[in-house]
Amino acid sequence: KILFGLKLKDTQTGIKLFKTDSIQPILKLMKTGRF
């Protein structure tokens, strides 16, 4: 919260759902491969 200013309370829980057209462009920008 301090570092990114996100309003989300939990970013790490292992279940997430996305609109495919929205998330795939983001995936192509990502560099982190682990946790």
PDB file of all heavy atoms in Angstrom:
ATOM      1  N   LYS A   1       0.834  -1.207   0.000  1.00  0.00           N
ATOM      2  CA  LYS A   1       0.000   0.000   0.000  1.00  0.00           C
ATOM      3  C   LYS A   1       0.867   1.254   0.000  1.00  0.00           C
ATOM      4  O   LYS A   1       0.611   2.212  -0.729  1.00  0.00           O
ATOM      5  CB  LYS A   1      -0.922  -0.004   1.219  1.00  0.00           C
ATOM      6  CG  LYS A   1      -1.931   1.141   1.241  1.00  0.00           C
ATOM      7  CD  LYS A   1      -2.868   1.013   2.424  1.00  0.00           C
ATOM      8  CE  LYS A   1      -3.860   2.160   2.473  1.00  0.00           C
ATOM      9  NZ  LYS A   1      -4.779   2.147   1.325  1.00  0.00           N
ATOM     10  N   ILE A   2       1.907   1.225   0.822  1.00  0.00           N
ATOM     11  CA  ILE A   2       2.823   2.362   0.886  1.00  0.00           C
ATOM     12  C   ILE A   2       3.621   2.493  -0.411  1.00  0.00           C
ATOM     13  O   ILE A   2       3.807   3.592  -0.950  1.00  0.00           O
ATOM     14  CB  ILE A   2       3.775   2.212   2.083  1.00  0.00           C
ATOM     15  CG1 ILE A   2       2.978   2.319   3.393  1.00  0.00           C
ATOM     16  CG2 ILE A   2       4.881   3.255   2.041  1.00  0.00           C
ATOM     17  CD1 ILE A   2       3.757   1.917   4.626  1.00  0.00           C
ATOM     18  N   LEU A   3       4.081   1.366  -0.934  1.00  0.00           N
ATOM     19  CA  LEU A   3       4.957   1.388  -2.112  1.00  0.00           C
ATOM     20  C   LEU A   3       4.202   1.729  -3.390  1.00  0.00           C
ATOM     21  O   LEU A   3       4.676   2.529  -4.210  1.00  0.00           O
ATOM     22  CB  LEU A   3       5.646   0.027  -2.265  1.00  0.00           C
ATOM     23  CG  LEU A   3       6.776  -0.072  -3.295  1.00  0.00           C
ATOM     24  CD1 LEU A   3       7.924   0.862  -2.927  1.00  0.00           C
ATOM     25  CD2 LEU A   3       7.276  -1.507  -3.394  1.00  0.00           C
ATOM     26  N   PHE A   4       3.017   1.129  -3.589  1.00  0.00           N
ATOM     27  CA  PHE A   4       2.299   1.280  -4.855  1.00  0.00           C
ATOM     28  C   PHE A   4       1.041   2.149  -4.763  1.00  0.00           C
ATOM     29  O   PHE A   4       0.536   2.598  -5.789  1.00  0.00           O
ATOM     30  CB  PHE A   4       1.881  -0.098  -5.396  1.00  0.00           C
ATOM     31  CG  PHE A   4       3.035  -0.940  -5.868  1.00  0.00           C
ATOM     32  CD1 PHE A   4       3.637  -1.857  -5.019  1.00  0.00           C
ATOM     33  CD2 PHE A   4       3.519  -0.828  -7.166  1.00  0.00           C
ATOM     34  CE1 PHE A   4       4.690  -2.638  -5.444  1.00  0.00           C
ATOM     35  CE2 PHE A   4       4.574  -1.608  -7.605  1.00  0.00           C
ATOM     36  CZ  PHE A   4       5.167  -2.513  -6.741  1.00  0.00           C
ATOM     37  N   GLY A   5       0.525   2.340  -3.554  1.00  0.00           N
ATOM     38  CA  GLY A   5      -0.693   3.126  -3.422  1.00  0.00           C
ATOM     39  C   GLY A   5      -1.939   2.417  -3.919  1.00  0.00           C
ATOM     40  O   GLY A   5      -2.960   3.056  -4.174  1.00  0.00           O
ATOM     41  N   LEU A   6      -1.870   1.091  -4.060  1.00  0.00           N
ATOM     42  CA  LEU A   6      -3.039   0.345  -4.524  1.00  0.00           C
ATOM     43  C   LEU A   6      -4.113   0.315  -3.438  1.00  0.00           C
ATOM     44  O   LEU A   6      -3.816   0.244  -2.251  1.00  0.00           O
ATOM     45  CB  LEU A   6      -2.649  -1.087  -4.886  1.00  0.00           C
ATOM     46  CG  LEU A   6      -1.723  -1.267  -6.091  1.00  0.00           C
ATOM     47  CD1 LEU A   6      -1.369  -2.739  -6.254  1.00  0.00           C
ATOM     48  CD2 LEU A   6      -2.370  -0.738  -7.355  1.00  0.00           C
ATOM     49  N   LYS A   7      -5.363   0.337  -3.864  1.00  0.00           N
ATOM     50  CA  LYS A   7      -6.472   0.288  -2.922  1.00  0.00           C
ATOM     51  C   LYS A   7      -6.872  -1.144  -2.578  1.00  0.00           C
ATOM     52  O   LYS A   7      -7.803  -1.373  -1.808  1.00  0.00           O
ATOM     53  CB  LYS A   7      -7.669   1.041  -3.501  1.00  0.00           C
ATOM     54  CG  LYS A   7      -7.393   2.529  -3.715  1.00  0.00           C
ATOM     55  CD  LYS A   7      -8.594   3.241  -4.302  1.00  0.00           C
ATOM     56  CE  LYS A   7      -8.296   4.714  -4.507  1.00  0.00           C
ATOM     57  NZ  LYS A   7      -9.454   5.439  -5.100  1.00  0.00           N
ATOM     58  N   LEU A   8      -6.178  -2.114  -3.144  1.00  0.00           N
ATOM     59  CA  LEU A   8      -6.476  -3.520  -2.908  1.00  0.00           C
ATOM     60  C   LEU A   8      -5.900  -3.975  -1.573  1.00  0.00           C
ATOM     61  O   LEU A   8      -4.790  -3.593  -1.212  1.00  0.00           O
ATOM     62  CB  LEU A   8      -5.897  -4.369  -4.040  1.00  0.00           C
ATOM     63  CG  LEU A   8      -6.313  -3.964  -5.456  1.00  0.00           C
ATOM     64  CD1 LEU A   8      -5.520  -4.762  -6.483  1.00  0.00           C
ATOM     65  CD2 LEU A   8      -7.805  -4.171  -5.652  1.00  0.00           C
ATOM     66  N   LYS A   9      -6.639  -4.818  -0.863  1.00  0.00           N
ATOM     67  CA  LYS A   9      -6.190  -5.292   0.432  1.00  0.00           C
ATOM     68  C   LYS A   9      -5.370  -6.577   0.345  1.00  0.00           C
ATOM     69  O   LYS A   9      -4.610  -6.892   1.252  1.00  0.00           O
ATOM     70  CB  LYS A   9      -7.396  -5.507   1.350  1.00  0.00           C
ATOM     71  CG  LYS A   9      -8.067  -4.211   1.774  1.00  0.00           C
ATOM     72  CD  LYS A   9      -9.163  -4.473   2.790  1.00  0.00           C
ATOM     73  CE  LYS A   9      -9.779  -3.161   3.267  1.00  0.00           C
ATOM     74  NZ  LYS A   9     -10.847  -3.401   4.276  1.00  0.00           N
ATOM     75  N   ASP A  10      -5.544  -7.338  -0.722  1.00  0.00           N
ATOM     76  CA  ASP A  10      -4.838  -8.622  -0.841  1.00  0.00           C
ATOM     77  C   ASP A  10      -4.525  -8.876  -2.307  1.00  0.00           C
ATOM     78  O   ASP A  10      -5.421  -9.092  -3.115  1.00  0.00           O
ATOM     79  CB  ASP A  10      -5.709  -9.744  -0.278  1.00  0.00           C
ATOM     80  CG  ASP A  10      -5.021 -11.099  -0.292  1.00  0.00           C
ATOM     81  OD1 ASP A  10      -3.857 -11.174  -0.737  1.00  0.00           O
ATOM     82  OD2 ASP A  10      -5.642 -12.081   0.129  1.00  0.00           O
ATOM     83  N   THR A  11      -3.252  -8.865  -2.643  1.00  0.00           N
ATOM     84  CA  THR A  11      -2.839  -9.079  -4.034  1.00  0.00           C
ATOM     85  C   THR A  11      -2.361 -10.505  -4.290  1.00  0.00           C
ATOM     86  O   THR A  11      -2.181 -10.890  -5.441  1.00  0.00           O
ATOM     87  CB  THR A  11      -1.689  -8.121  -4.413  1.00  0.00           C
ATOM     88  OG1 THR A  11      -0.554  -8.376  -3.567  1.00  0.00           O
ATOM     89  CG2 THR A  11      -2.116  -6.671  -4.266  1.00  0.00           C
ATOM     90  N   GLN A  12      -2.155 -11.306  -3.245  1.00  0.00           N
ATOM     91  CA  GLN A  12      -1.414 -12.559  -3.387  1.00  0.00           C
ATOM     92  C   GLN A  12      -2.254 -13.826  -3.384  1.00  0.00           C
ATOM     93  O   GLN A  12      -1.731 -14.908  -3.625  1.00  0.00           O
ATOM     94  CB  GLN A  12      -0.366 -12.671  -2.274  1.00  0.00           C
ATOM     95  CG  GLN A  12       0.618 -11.508  -2.220  1.00  0.00           C
ATOM     96  CD  GLN A  12       1.299 -11.251  -3.539  1.00  0.00           C
ATOM     97  OE1 GLN A  12       1.148 -10.186  -4.123  1.00  0.00           O
ATOM     98  NE2 GLN A  12       2.030 -12.219  -4.025  1.00  0.00           N
ATOM     99  N   THR A  13      -3.545 -13.744  -3.071  1.00  0.00           N
ATOM    100  CA  THR A  13      -4.356 -14.958  -3.003  1.00  0.00           C
ATOM    101  C   THR A  13      -4.419 -15.644  -4.368  1.00  0.00           C
ATOM    102  O   THR A  13      -4.625 -14.991  -5.390  1.00  0.00           O
ATOM    103  CB  THR A  13      -5.769 -14.621  -2.493  1.00  0.00           C
ATOM    104  OG1 THR A  13      -5.652 -14.118  -1.152  1.00  0.00           O
ATOM    105  CG2 THR A  13      -6.664 -15.837  -2.486  1.00  0.00           C
ATOM    106  N   GLY A  14      -4.281 -16.978  -4.354  1.00  0.00           N
ATOM    107  CA  GLY A  14      -4.071 -17.731  -5.594  1.00  0.00           C
ATOM    108  C   GLY A  14      -5.304 -18.091  -6.377  1.00  0.00           C
ATOM    109  O   GLY A  14      -5.422 -19.222  -6.881  1.00  0.00           O
ATOM    110  N   ILE A  15      -6.234 -17.157  -6.503  1.00  0.00           N
ATOM    111  CA  ILE A  15      -7.381 -17.340  -7.397  1.00  0.00           C
ATOM    112  C   ILE A  15      -7.759 -15.966  -7.957  1.00  0.00           C
ATOM    113  O   ILE A  15      -8.079 -15.045  -7.197  1.00  0.00           O
ATOM    114  CB  ILE A  15      -8.569 -18.022  -6.681  1.00  0.00           C
ATOM    115  CG1 ILE A  15      -9.732 -18.243  -7.659  1.00  0.00           C
ATOM    116  CG2 ILE A  15      -9.000 -17.263  -5.443  1.00  0.00           C
ATOM    117  CD1 ILE A  15     -10.838 -19.139  -7.112  1.00  0.00           C
ATOM    118  N   LYS A  16      -7.683 -15.843  -9.261  1.00  0.00           N
ATOM    119  CA  LYS A  16      -7.979 -14.577  -9.934  1.00  0.00           C
ATOM    120  C   LYS A  16      -8.619 -14.875 -11.286  1.00  0.00           C
ATOM    121  O   LYS A  16      -8.307 -15.889 -11.920  1.00  0.00           O
ATOM    122  CB  LYS A  16      -6.703 -13.752 -10.131  1.00  0.00           C
ATOM    123  CG  LYS A  16      -6.066 -13.260  -8.838  1.00  0.00           C
ATOM    124  CD  LYS A  16      -4.796 -12.462  -9.103  1.00  0.00           C
ATOM    125  CE  LYS A  16      -4.253 -11.824  -7.843  1.00  0.00           C
ATOM    126  NZ  LYS A  16      -3.774 -12.789  -6.853  1.00  0.00           N
ATOM    127  N   LEU A  17      -9.497 -13.975 -11.721  1.00  0.00           N
ATOM    128  CA  LEU A  17     -10.186 -14.133 -13.006  1.00  0.00           C
ATOM    129  C   LEU A  17     -10.083 -12.836 -13.795  1.00  0.00           C
ATOM    130  O   LEU A  17     -10.175 -11.739 -13.214  1.00  0.00           O
ATOM    131  CB  LEU A  17     -11.651 -14.523 -12.768  1.00  0.00           C
ATOM    132  CG  LEU A  17     -12.500 -14.764 -14.023  1.00  0.00           C
ATOM    133  CD1 LEU A  17     -13.427 -15.964 -13.820  1.00  0.00           C
ATOM    134  CD2 LEU A  17     -13.338 -13.525 -14.365  1.00  0.00           C
ATOM    135  N   PHE A  18      -9.927 -12.964 -15.111  1.00  0.00           N
ATOM    136  CA  PHE A  18      -9.686 -11.809 -15.968  1.00  0.00           C
ATOM    137  C   PHE A  18     -10.489 -11.902 -17.265  1.00  0.00           C
ATOM    138  O   PHE A  18     -10.755 -13.012 -17.750  1.00  0.00           O
ATOM    139  CB  PHE A  18      -8.200 -11.735 -16.374  1.00  0.00           C
ATOM    140  CG  PHE A  18      -7.235 -11.910 -15.246  1.00  0.00           C
ATOM    141  CD1 PHE A  18      -6.875 -13.177 -14.808  1.00  0.00           C
ATOM    142  CD2 PHE A  18      -6.667 -10.815 -14.626  1.00  0.00           C
ATOM    143  CE1 PHE A  18      -5.970 -13.356 -13.766  1.00  0.00           C
ATOM    144  CE2 PHE A  18      -5.759 -10.975 -13.589  1.00  0.00           C
ATOM    145  CZ  PHE A  18      -5.419 -12.247 -13.158  1.00  0.00           C
ATOM    146  N   LYS A  19     -10.833 -10.764 -17.820  1.00  0.00           N
ATOM    147  CA  LYS A  19     -11.256 -10.734 -19.202  1.00  0.00           C
ATOM    148  C   LYS A  19      -9.996 -10.961 -20.037  1.00  0.00           C
ATOM    149  O   LYS A  19      -9.006 -10.247 -19.895  1.00  0.00           O
ATOM    150  CB  LYS A  19     -11.896  -9.394 -19.546  1.00  0.00           C
ATOM    151  CG  LYS A  19     -13.257  -9.183 -18.906  1.00  0.00           C
ATOM    152  CD  LYS A  19     -13.897  -7.867 -19.340  1.00  0.00           C
ATOM    153  CE  LYS A  19     -15.280  -7.721 -18.710  1.00  0.00           C
ATOM    154  NZ  LYS A  19     -15.908  -6.410 -19.061  1.00  0.00           N
ATOM    155  N   THR A  20     -10.027 -11.947 -20.884  1.00  0.00           N
ATOM    156  CA  THR A  20      -8.822 -12.355 -21.606  1.00  0.00           C
ATOM    157  C   THR A  20      -8.252 -11.216 -22.443  1.00  0.00           C
ATOM    158  O   THR A  20      -7.039 -10.994 -22.466  1.00  0.00           O
ATOM    159  CB  THR A  20      -9.114 -13.578 -22.493  1.00  0.00           C
ATOM    160  OG1 THR A  20      -9.672 -14.623 -21.685  1.00  0.00           O
ATOM    161  CG2 THR A  20      -7.849 -14.100 -23.147  1.00  0.00           C
ATOM    162  N   ASP A  21      -9.119 -10.475 -23.110  1.00  0.00           N
ATOM    163  CA  ASP A  21      -8.647  -9.371 -23.947  1.00  0.00           C
ATOM    164  C   ASP A  21      -7.992  -8.262 -23.130  1.00  0.00           C
ATOM    165  O   ASP A  21      -7.171  -7.506 -23.655  1.00  0.00           O
ATOM    166  CB  ASP A  21      -9.814  -8.780 -24.750  1.00  0.00           C
ATOM    167  CG  ASP A  21     -10.287  -9.716 -25.852  1.00  0.00           C
ATOM    168  OD1 ASP A  21      -9.557 -10.671 -26.184  1.00  0.00           O
ATOM    169  OD2 ASP A  21     -11.397  -9.492 -26.385  1.00  0.00           O
ATOM    170  N   SER A  22      -8.347  -8.165 -21.855  1.00  0.00           N
ATOM    171  CA  SER A  22      -7.764  -7.132 -20.992  1.00  0.00           C
ATOM    172  C   SER A  22      -6.420  -7.548 -20.424  1.00  0.00           C
ATOM    173  O   SER A  22      -5.506  -6.725 -20.302  1.00  0.00           O
ATOM    174  CB  SER A  22      -8.719  -6.797 -19.836  1.00  0.00           C
ATOM    175  OG  SER A  22      -9.927  -6.244 -20.301  1.00  0.00           O
ATOM    176  N   ILE A  23      -6.279  -8.835 -20.071  1.00  0.00           N
ATOM    177  CA  ILE A  23      -5.078  -9.263 -19.368  1.00  0.00           C
ATOM    178  C   ILE A  23      -3.929  -9.650 -20.293  1.00  0.00           C
ATOM    179  O   ILE A  23      -2.753  -9.467 -19.947  1.00  0.00           O
ATOM    180  CB  ILE A  23      -5.390 -10.431 -18.400  1.00  0.00           C
ATOM    181  CG1 ILE A  23      -4.222 -10.663 -17.433  1.00  0.00           C
ATOM    182  CG2 ILE A  23      -5.722 -11.710 -19.164  1.00  0.00           C
ATOM    183  CD1 ILE A  23      -3.887  -9.476 -16.562  1.00  0.00           C
ATOM    184  N   GLN A  24      -4.205 -10.166 -21.477  1.00  0.00           N
ATOM    185  CA  GLN A  24      -3.096 -10.649 -22.306  1.00  0.00           C
ATOM    186  C   GLN A  24      -2.106  -9.550 -22.710  1.00  0.00           C
ATOM    187  O   GLN A  24      -0.893  -9.802 -22.718  1.00  0.00           O
ATOM    188  CB  GLN A  24      -3.638 -11.409 -23.516  1.00  0.00           C
ATOM    189  CG  GLN A  24      -4.179 -12.789 -23.113  1.00  0.00           C
ATOM    190  CD  GLN A  24      -4.543 -13.675 -24.281  1.00  0.00           C
ATOM    191  OE1 GLN A  24      -4.753 -13.213 -25.390  1.00  0.00           O
ATOM    192  NE2 GLN A  24      -4.632 -14.977 -24.022  1.00  0.00           N
ATOM    193  N   PRO A  25      -2.548  -8.318 -23.009  1.00  0.00           N
ATOM    194  CA  PRO A  25      -1.556  -7.258 -23.271  1.00  0.00           C
ATOM    195  C   PRO A  25      -0.687  -6.959 -22.047  1.00  0.00           C
ATOM    196  O   PRO A  25       0.497  -6.632 -22.187  1.00  0.00           O
ATOM    197  CB  PRO A  25      -2.418  -6.050 -23.644  1.00  0.00           C
ATOM    198  CG  PRO A  25      -3.698  -6.624 -24.132  1.00  0.00           C
ATOM    199  CD  PRO A  25      -3.919  -7.853 -23.296  1.00  0.00           C
ATOM    200  N   ILE A  26      -1.252  -7.086 -20.848  1.00  0.00           N
ATOM    201  CA  ILE A  26      -0.487  -6.864 -19.617  1.00  0.00           C
ATOM    202  C   ILE A  26       0.554  -7.960 -19.429  1.00  0.00           C
ATOM    203  O   ILE A  26       1.701  -7.697 -19.063  1.00  0.00           O
ATOM    204  CB  ILE A  26      -1.441  -6.806 -18.407  1.00  0.00           C
ATOM    205  CG1 ILE A  26      -2.307  -5.549 -18.489  1.00  0.00           C
ATOM    206  CG2 ILE A  26      -0.669  -6.840 -17.087  1.00  0.00           C
ATOM    207  CD1 ILE A  26      -3.381  -5.458 -17.435  1.00  0.00           C
ATOM    208  N   LEU A  27       0.168  -9.197 -19.706  1.00  0.00           N
ATOM    209  CA  LEU A  27       1.096 -10.317 -19.573  1.00  0.00           C
ATOM    210  C   LEU A  27       2.340 -10.126 -20.426  1.00  0.00           C
ATOM    211  O   LEU A  27       3.452 -10.485 -20.021  1.00  0.00           O
ATOM    212  CB  LEU A  27       0.400 -11.624 -19.956  1.00  0.00           C
ATOM    213  CG  LEU A  27      -0.756 -12.076 -19.056  1.00  0.00           C
ATOM    214  CD1 LEU A  27      -1.509 -13.230 -19.709  1.00  0.00           C
ATOM    215  CD2 LEU A  27      -0.250 -12.480 -17.680  1.00  0.00           C
ATOM    216  N   LYS A  28       2.166  -9.549 -21.589  1.00  0.00           N
ATOM    217  CA  LYS A  28       3.297  -9.347 -22.499  1.00  0.00           C
ATOM    218  C   LYS A  28       4.262  -8.279 -21.999  1.00  0.00           C
ATOM    219  O   LYS A  28       5.414  -8.215 -22.433  1.00  0.00           O
ATOM    220  CB  LYS A  28       2.772  -8.996 -23.890  1.00  0.00           C
ATOM    221  CG  LYS A  28       2.019 -10.155 -24.543  1.00  0.00           C
ATOM    222  CD  LYS A  28       1.383  -9.752 -25.857  1.00  0.00           C
ATOM    223  CE  LYS A  28       0.593 -10.911 -26.461  1.00  0.00           C
ATOM    224  NZ  LYS A  28      -0.107 -10.533 -27.711  1.00  0.00           N
ATOM    225  N   LEU A  29       3.793  -7.429 -21.064  1.00  0.00           N
ATOM    226  CA  LEU A  29       4.648  -6.393 -20.488  1.00  0.00           C
ATOM    227  C   LEU A  29       5.380  -6.870 -19.239  1.00  0.00           C
ATOM    228  O   LEU A  29       6.346  -6.252 -18.805  1.00  0.00           O
ATOM    229  CB  LEU A  29       3.813  -5.166 -20.116  1.00  0.00           C
ATOM    230  CG  LEU A  29       3.183  -4.372 -21.268  1.00  0.00           C
ATOM    231  CD1 LEU A  29       2.219  -3.325 -20.710  1.00  0.00           C
ATOM    232  CD2 LEU A  29       4.261  -3.709 -22.110  1.00  0.00           C
ATOM    233  N   MET A  30       4.922  -7.976 -18.679  1.00  0.00           N
ATOM    234  CA  MET A  30       5.444  -8.416 -17.390  1.00  0.00           C
ATOM    235  C   MET A  30       6.834  -9.052 -17.493  1.00  0.00           C
ATOM    236  O   MET A  30       7.140  -9.732 -18.458  1.00  0.00           O
ATOM    237  CB  MET A  30       4.462  -9.403 -16.748  1.00  0.00           C
ATOM    238  CG  MET A  30       3.171  -8.752 -16.288  1.00  0.00           C
ATOM    239  SD  MET A  30       1.974  -9.965 -15.671  1.00  0.00           S
ATOM    240  CE  MET A  30       2.922 -10.729 -14.341  1.00  0.00           C
ATOM    241  N   LYS A  31       7.624  -8.829 -16.443  1.00  0.00           N
ATOM    242  CA  LYS A  31       8.979  -9.367 -16.395  1.00  0.00           C
ATOM    243  C   LYS A  31       9.210 -10.327 -15.230  1.00  0.00           C
ATOM    244  O   LYS A  31      10.138 -11.127 -15.257  1.00  0.00           O
ATOM    245  CB  LYS A  31       9.989  -8.212 -16.293  1.00  0.00           C
ATOM    246  CG  LYS A  31      10.046  -7.330 -17.538  1.00  0.00           C
ATOM    247  CD  LYS A  31      11.150  -6.307 -17.413  1.00  0.00           C
ATOM    248  CE  LYS A  31      11.311  -5.500 -18.692  1.00  0.00           C
ATOM    249  NZ  LYS A  31      12.424  -4.519 -18.594  1.00  0.00           N
ATOM    250  N   THR A  32       8.385 -10.238 -14.200  1.00  0.00           N
ATOM    251  CA  THR A  32       8.583 -11.046 -13.002  1.00  0.00           C
ATOM    252  C   THR A  32       8.086 -12.467 -13.220  1.00  0.00           C
ATOM    253  O   THR A  32       6.957 -12.659 -13.670  1.00  0.00           O
ATOM    254  CB  THR A  32       7.855 -10.425 -11.800  1.00  0.00           C
ATOM    255  OG1 THR A  32       8.317  -9.083 -11.630  1.00  0.00           O
ATOM    256  CG2 THR A  32       8.115 -11.216 -10.536  1.00  0.00           C
ATOM    257  N   GLY A  33       8.907 -13.460 -12.875  1.00  0.00           N
ATOM    258  CA  GLY A  33       8.536 -14.844 -13.125  1.00  0.00           C
ATOM    259  C   GLY A  33       8.229 -15.662 -11.896  1.00  0.00           C
ATOM    260  O   GLY A  33       7.797 -16.798 -12.015  1.00  0.00           O
ATOM    261  N   ARG A  34       8.407 -15.071 -10.707  1.00  0.00           N
ATOM    262  CA  ARG A  34       8.240 -15.911  -9.533  1.00  0.00           C
ATOM    263  C   ARG A  34       7.143 -15.367  -8.618  1.00  0.00           C
ATOM    264  O   ARG A  34       6.056 -15.055  -9.068  1.00  0.00           O
ATOM    265  CB  ARG A  34       9.584 -16.064  -8.811  1.00  0.00           C
ATOM    266  CG  ARG A  34      10.667 -16.681  -9.742  1.00  0.00           C
ATOM    267  CD  ARG A  34      11.883 -17.168  -8.997  1.00  0.00           C
ATOM    268  NE  ARG A  34      11.625 -18.400  -8.266  1.00  0.00           N
ATOM    269  CZ  ARG A  34      11.677 -19.617  -8.802  1.00  0.00           C
ATOM    270  NH1 ARG A  34      11.953 -19.775 -10.082  1.00  0.00           N
ATOM    271  NH2 ARG A  34      11.438 -20.685  -8.069  1.00  0.00           N
ATOM    272  N   PHE A  35       7.401 -15.232  -7.339  1.00  0.00           N
ATOM    273  CA  PHE A  35       6.346 -14.986  -6.364  1.00  0.00           C
ATOM    274  C   PHE A  35       5.648 -13.637  -6.514  1.00  0.00           C
ATOM    275  O   PHE A  35       4.487 -13.506  -6.117  1.00  0.00           O
ATOM    276  CB  PHE A  35       6.915 -15.082  -4.942  1.00  0.00           C
ATOM    277  CG  PHE A  35       7.435 -16.440  -4.590  1.00  0.00           C
ATOM    278  CD1 PHE A  35       8.791 -16.686  -4.534  1.00  0.00           C
ATOM    279  CD2 PHE A  35       6.565 -17.480  -4.311  1.00  0.00           C
ATOM    280  CE1 PHE A  35       9.279 -17.935  -4.198  1.00  0.00           C
ATOM    281  CE2 PHE A  35       7.037 -18.746  -3.989  1.00  0.00           C
ATOM    282  CZ  PHE A  35       8.394 -18.969  -3.927  1.00  0.00           C
TER     283      PHE A  35
END
